[in-house]
Amino acid sequence: MDGASATAGAAAFLLDAGFGDVAVQEQIPIGAQVVGAVIQVAARAALGALGIHAGTHDEDGDSADDCAGGNGNQNIYAPGLLIIDDIFLIADEPYREIVFDGGEQPYPSKFYDNTLSCYSYSKSLSLPGERIGYVAVNPRATDAELIVPMCGQVSRETGHNCPGSSVQLAVAKVVDETSDLSVYEKNMNLLYDALVRLGFDVVRPGGTFYIFPKALEDDANAFCMKAKDYDLILVPSDSFGVPGYFRMAYCIDTEKVERSIKALEKFVHEVYGR
């Protein structure tokens, strides 16, 4: 995506986040080339090269070191959590439009100058796997004028600065659009209600398209293996460094969620007697 397309696509994000017109022109053409998970790698590497500690924070403000399962964390920021001194925040923002109950996801850069905002269009456009996005450096951040080109250089060195031309052209046409995100909230409510009804210990998500219940036995891996016999593909929480839980994704058709609930009910009844 060229600088003009990237600027147009990210202008609303930057202006609402308090970056201002200068940031739209100076930050985005480079940052737009940094895609997928590499945006955090690039940002952290750039900060590290400057001798700056980079604290990675998820949607709920928790440090990644304390919340290893933060990919797709279903909570949203409370502004009061963002008042932190002498640390850089790398805000993982690809799920920012998927917020439930009429909630709003505030931009961390509004509250904290040393913020790097990472974004991917794959979630808002419901295109999992199509990794294209940007990293935006708050111009008020320490050494912002150095971090921006360093992020671009790191992305080139890691070989992730050239997304396919087809997805670049596609995103350029829909940068200000989203898919029908209301389906995620509908799916979440169906799944959450079913889990509670079946006796699972689970927190209702405030956004994204994942839910993280506690398994019905201590060994989440064993629980997920047993679920496969009922055509249920679950991800054990051990993969995220938190034993005893499992992750379910509901970024699918509602009809599939409803069929999955029937399979889940049968699994829980036959294996765990509930």
Protein backbone atom coordinates (compact mmCIF):
# COMPACT_ATOMS: atom_id res chain seq x y z
CA MET A 1 0.00 0.00 0.00
CA ASP A 2 1.47 3.38 -0.94
CA GLY A 3 1.80 6.25 1.51
CA ALA A 4 -1.29 8.07 0.20
CA SER A 5 -3.55 5.03 0.60
CA ALA A 6 -2.16 4.27 4.04
CA THR A 7 -2.61 7.85 5.14
CA ALA A 8 -6.23 7.90 3.98
CA GLY A 9 -6.98 4.61 5.68
CA ALA A 10 -5.44 5.52 9.00
CA ALA A 11 -6.40 9.20 9.20
CA ALA A 12 -9.50 8.61 11.32
CA PHE A 13 -7.55 6.37 13.72
CA LEU A 14 -4.77 8.90 14.19
CA LEU A 15 -6.93 11.99 14.54
CA ASP A 16 -9.25 10.34 17.04
CA ALA A 17 -6.25 9.02 18.95
CA GLY A 18 -4.88 12.53 19.30
CA PHE A 19 -1.96 12.14 16.92
CA GLY A 20 -2.80 15.21 14.80
CA ASP A 21 -2.28 16.08 11.14
CA VAL A 22 1.52 15.95 11.33
CA ALA A 23 1.46 12.36 12.48
CA VAL A 24 -0.86 11.39 9.64
CA GLN A 25 1.67 12.64 7.13
CA GLU A 26 4.90 11.65 8.83
CA GLN A 27 4.19 8.41 10.67
CA ILE A 28 1.90 6.30 8.54
CA PRO A 29 3.72 5.83 5.18
CA ILE A 30 6.50 3.94 6.95
CA GLY A 31 4.37 2.28 9.62
CA ALA A 32 1.84 0.93 7.13
CA GLN A 33 4.36 -1.60 5.91
CA VAL A 34 4.68 -3.31 9.29
CA VAL A 35 2.16 -6.14 9.43
CA GLY A 36 0.74 -8.85 11.66
CA ALA A 37 2.49 -9.96 14.80
CA VAL A 38 5.75 -8.51 13.49
CA ILE A 39 4.57 -5.00 14.34
CA GLN A 40 5.21 -5.69 18.02
CA VAL A 41 8.57 -7.31 17.29
CA ALA A 42 9.61 -4.33 15.22
CA ALA A 43 8.43 -1.83 17.80
CA ARG A 44 10.15 -3.60 20.68
CA ALA A 45 13.36 -4.01 18.69
CA ALA A 46 13.39 -0.34 17.77
CA LEU A 47 12.92 0.70 21.38
CA GLY A 48 15.54 -1.77 22.54
CA ALA A 49 18.06 -0.32 20.13
CA LEU A 50 17.52 3.04 21.83
CA GLY A 51 18.02 1.48 25.25
CA ILE A 52 14.37 2.03 26.17
CA HIS A 53 12.35 -0.54 28.10
CA ALA A 54 9.22 -1.54 26.18
CA GLY A 55 6.29 -2.75 28.23
CA THR A 56 3.78 -4.62 26.06
CA HIS A 57 0.19 -4.23 27.21
CA ASP A 58 -2.96 -5.94 26.06
CA GLU A 59 -6.47 -4.55 25.70
CA ASP A 60 -6.99 -4.64 29.46
CA GLY A 61 -3.72 -2.91 30.26
CA ASP A 62 -2.00 -5.99 31.72
CA SER A 63 1.67 -6.59 31.02
CA ALA A 64 2.27 -9.38 28.51
CA ASP A 65 4.74 -10.88 30.97
CA ASP A 66 1.88 -11.27 33.46
CA CYS A 67 -0.77 -12.27 30.90
CA ALA A 68 0.73 -14.75 28.48
CA GLY A 69 -2.71 -15.47 27.04
CA GLY A 70 -3.17 -11.88 25.91
CA ASN A 71 -3.64 -12.64 22.21
CA GLY A 72 -7.25 -11.64 21.72
CA ASN A 73 -7.74 -10.64 25.34
CA GLN A 74 -11.51 -10.08 25.57
CA ASN A 75 -11.39 -7.13 27.97
CA ILE A 76 -11.09 -3.45 27.10
CA TYR A 77 -9.06 -0.58 28.54
CA ALA A 78 -10.09 1.43 31.53
CA PRO A 79 -8.39 4.83 31.08
CA GLY A 80 -7.23 4.90 34.68
CA LEU A 81 -5.01 1.87 34.05
CA LEU A 82 -2.90 3.78 31.56
CA ILE A 83 -1.32 6.34 33.85
CA ILE A 84 2.13 4.74 34.00
CA ASP A 85 5.47 6.56 34.13
CA ASP A 86 8.83 5.79 32.50
CA ILE A 87 7.69 2.97 30.28
CA PHE A 88 6.71 2.57 26.62
CA LEU A 89 3.31 1.07 25.86
CA ILE A 90 2.95 -1.06 22.74
CA ALA A 91 -0.83 -1.13 22.30
CA ASP A 92 -2.14 -4.19 20.47
CA GLU A 93 -5.17 -2.68 18.69
CA PRO A 94 -6.46 -5.07 15.97
CA TYR A 95 -9.60 -5.92 17.97
CA ARG A 96 -10.46 -2.34 18.86
CA GLU A 97 -13.69 -2.20 16.81
CA ILE A 98 -15.03 -5.47 18.26
CA VAL A 99 -16.46 -4.15 21.53
CA PHE A 100 -19.73 -5.33 23.08
CA ASP A 101 -22.65 -3.78 24.98
CA GLY A 102 -22.18 -0.40 23.29
CA GLY A 103 -18.80 0.04 24.92
CA GLU A 104 -15.97 2.16 23.57
CA GLN A 105 -12.29 1.27 23.36
CA PRO A 106 -10.27 4.41 24.21
CA TYR A 107 -6.94 5.02 22.53
CA PRO A 108 -4.00 4.63 24.94
CA SER A 109 -2.13 7.39 23.11
CA LYS A 110 -4.71 9.88 24.38
CA PHE A 111 -3.61 9.20 27.93
CA TYR A 112 0.07 8.34 27.58
CA ASP A 113 2.62 9.96 25.28
CA ASN A 114 5.04 7.05 24.99
CA THR A 115 2.62 4.85 23.07
CA LEU A 116 3.11 2.80 19.92
CA SER A 117 -0.24 1.73 18.44
CA CYS A 118 -0.24 -1.48 16.39
CA TYR A 119 -3.15 -2.30 14.10
CA SER A 120 -4.18 -4.99 11.65
CA TYR A 121 -7.15 -4.83 9.27
CA SER A 122 -7.62 -8.60 9.42
CA LYS A 123 -9.97 -8.45 12.42
CA SER A 124 -12.17 -5.47 11.53
CA LEU A 125 -12.65 -6.83 8.00
CA SER A 126 -13.10 -10.45 9.19
CA LEU A 127 -10.14 -11.64 7.14
CA PRO A 128 -8.20 -13.86 9.56
CA GLY A 129 -4.74 -14.59 8.21
CA GLU A 130 -4.66 -11.62 5.83
CA ARG A 131 -2.06 -9.70 7.80
CA ILE A 132 -1.82 -6.08 6.75
CA GLY A 133 -1.68 -3.08 9.04
CA TYR A 134 0.61 -0.49 10.56
CA VAL A 135 2.39 0.72 13.67
CA ALA A 136 1.80 4.37 14.58
CA VAL A 137 4.27 6.12 16.86
CA ASN A 138 2.84 8.90 18.98
CA PRO A 139 4.76 12.03 17.87
CA ARG A 140 4.85 13.11 21.52
CA ALA A 141 6.78 9.94 22.42
CA THR A 142 10.41 10.10 23.44
CA ASP A 143 12.65 9.77 20.35
CA ALA A 144 9.60 9.36 18.08
CA GLU A 145 11.58 10.71 15.13
CA LEU A 146 14.03 7.83 15.56
CA ILE A 147 11.59 5.04 16.42
CA VAL A 148 9.51 5.48 13.24
CA PRO A 149 12.28 4.78 10.70
CA MET A 150 13.75 2.10 12.96
CA CYS A 151 10.41 0.23 12.94
CA GLY A 152 10.45 0.34 9.16
CA GLN A 153 14.03 -0.90 9.04
CA VAL A 154 13.36 -3.75 11.46
CA SER A 155 10.35 -4.85 9.40
CA ARG A 156 12.49 -4.93 6.26
CA GLU A 157 15.18 -6.96 7.97
CA THR A 158 12.65 -9.52 9.18
CA GLY A 159 11.12 -9.78 5.70
CA HIS A 160 7.58 -8.81 6.68
CA ASN A 161 7.29 -5.38 5.09
CA CYS A 162 5.86 -6.54 1.76
CA PRO A 163 2.30 -7.89 2.06
CA GLY A 164 0.84 -9.31 -1.13
CA SER A 165 -0.23 -6.76 -3.73
CA SER A 166 -3.77 -8.20 -3.86
CA VAL A 167 -4.46 -7.55 -0.18
CA GLN A 168 -2.88 -4.09 -0.42
CA LEU A 169 -5.24 -3.17 -3.28
CA ALA A 170 -8.22 -4.70 -1.50
CA VAL A 171 -7.64 -2.92 1.82
CA ALA A 172 -7.06 0.40 0.04
CA LYS A 173 -10.66 0.22 -1.20
CA VAL A 174 -12.23 -0.51 2.20
CA VAL A 175 -9.95 1.15 4.75
CA ASP A 176 -12.83 3.05 6.33
CA GLU A 177 -15.19 0.06 6.43
CA THR A 178 -15.68 -2.92 8.72
CA SER A 179 -17.53 -6.16 8.27
CA ASP A 180 -20.78 -6.73 10.18
CA LEU A 181 -19.20 -6.99 13.61
CA SER A 182 -22.53 -7.43 15.40
CA VAL A 183 -22.43 -11.14 14.56
CA TYR A 184 -19.56 -11.55 17.03
CA GLU A 185 -21.64 -10.23 19.91
CA LYS A 186 -24.56 -12.46 18.93
CA ASN A 187 -22.29 -15.50 18.77
CA MET A 188 -20.66 -14.59 22.07
CA ASN A 189 -23.99 -14.32 23.87
CA LEU A 190 -25.13 -17.70 22.55
CA LEU A 191 -21.89 -19.38 23.58
CA TYR A 192 -21.57 -17.64 26.94
CA ASP A 193 -25.14 -18.51 27.95
CA ALA A 194 -24.56 -22.15 26.96
CA LEU A 195 -21.31 -22.37 28.94
CA VAL A 196 -22.94 -20.92 32.06
CA ARG A 197 -25.90 -23.25 31.69
CA LEU A 198 -23.52 -26.23 31.51
CA GLY A 199 -21.72 -25.17 34.68
CA PHE A 200 -18.49 -23.76 33.26
CA ASP A 201 -16.55 -21.12 35.17
CA VAL A 202 -16.27 -18.36 32.55
CA VAL A 203 -15.99 -14.58 32.33
CA ARG A 204 -18.25 -12.84 29.83
CA PRO A 205 -16.09 -11.18 27.16
CA GLY A 206 -16.25 -7.42 26.66
CA GLY A 207 -15.04 -7.71 23.07
CA THR A 208 -13.00 -9.66 20.46
CA PHE A 209 -14.11 -13.08 19.21
CA TYR A 210 -12.62 -15.40 21.84
CA ILE A 211 -13.90 -16.77 25.14
CA PHE A 212 -11.71 -18.42 27.79
CA PRO A 213 -13.62 -20.87 30.08
CA LYS A 214 -12.13 -23.05 32.80
CA ALA A 215 -11.89 -26.70 31.79
CA LEU A 216 -13.98 -29.29 33.61
CA GLU A 217 -10.81 -31.02 34.79
CA ASP A 218 -7.40 -29.77 35.84
CA ASP A 219 -5.67 -31.01 32.69
CA ALA A 220 -6.86 -28.69 29.94
CA ASN A 221 -4.94 -30.66 27.30
CA ALA A 222 -6.77 -33.85 28.24
CA PHE A 223 -10.08 -31.98 28.25
CA CYS A 224 -9.47 -30.64 24.73
CA MET A 225 -8.37 -34.06 23.43
CA LYS A 226 -11.61 -35.61 24.70
CA ALA A 227 -13.59 -32.82 23.02
CA LYS A 228 -12.10 -33.78 19.65
CA ASP A 229 -14.15 -36.99 19.76
CA TYR A 230 -17.21 -34.73 19.51
CA ASP A 231 -15.79 -32.65 16.63
CA LEU A 232 -14.97 -29.77 18.95
CA ILE A 233 -11.59 -28.14 18.35
CA LEU A 234 -10.55 -26.29 21.50
CA VAL A 235 -7.21 -24.68 22.35
CA PRO A 236 -5.78 -25.59 25.79
CA SER A 237 -4.66 -22.61 27.83
CA ASP A 238 -1.25 -24.17 28.41
CA SER A 239 -0.40 -22.74 24.98
CA PHE A 240 -0.80 -19.29 26.56
CA GLY A 241 1.03 -20.12 29.78
CA VAL A 242 -2.12 -20.44 31.91
CA PRO A 243 -3.01 -24.04 32.85
CA GLY A 244 -6.54 -25.27 33.42
CA TYR A 245 -8.47 -23.23 30.86
CA PHE A 246 -9.22 -23.42 27.14
CA ARG A 247 -9.95 -20.96 24.36
CA MET A 248 -12.94 -21.03 22.03
CA ALA A 249 -13.27 -18.83 18.94
CA TYR A 250 -16.63 -17.71 17.60
CA CYS A 251 -15.57 -15.91 14.40
CA ILE A 252 -17.80 -18.24 12.42
CA ASP A 253 -21.36 -18.33 11.11
CA THR A 254 -24.01 -18.23 13.85
CA GLU A 255 -25.44 -21.49 12.54
CA LYS A 256 -22.11 -23.18 13.22
CA VAL A 257 -22.06 -21.78 16.75
CA GLU A 258 -25.50 -23.25 17.36
CA ARG A 259 -24.41 -26.66 16.05
CA SER A 260 -21.27 -26.49 18.17
CA ILE A 261 -23.33 -25.82 21.28
CA LYS A 262 -25.30 -29.01 20.68
CA ALA A 263 -22.04 -30.93 20.35
CA LEU A 264 -20.71 -29.26 23.50
CA GLU A 265 -23.84 -30.23 25.44
CA LYS A 266 -23.48 -33.84 24.35
CA PHE A 267 -19.78 -33.89 25.23
CA VAL A 268 -20.30 -32.42 28.70
CA HIS A 269 -23.25 -34.73 29.44
CA GLU A 270 -21.62 -37.97 28.29
CA VAL A 271 -18.10 -37.37 29.60
CA TYR A 272 -18.68 -35.28 32.72
CA GLY A 273 -22.26 -36.16 33.62
CA ARG A 274 -23.61 -32.61 33.44
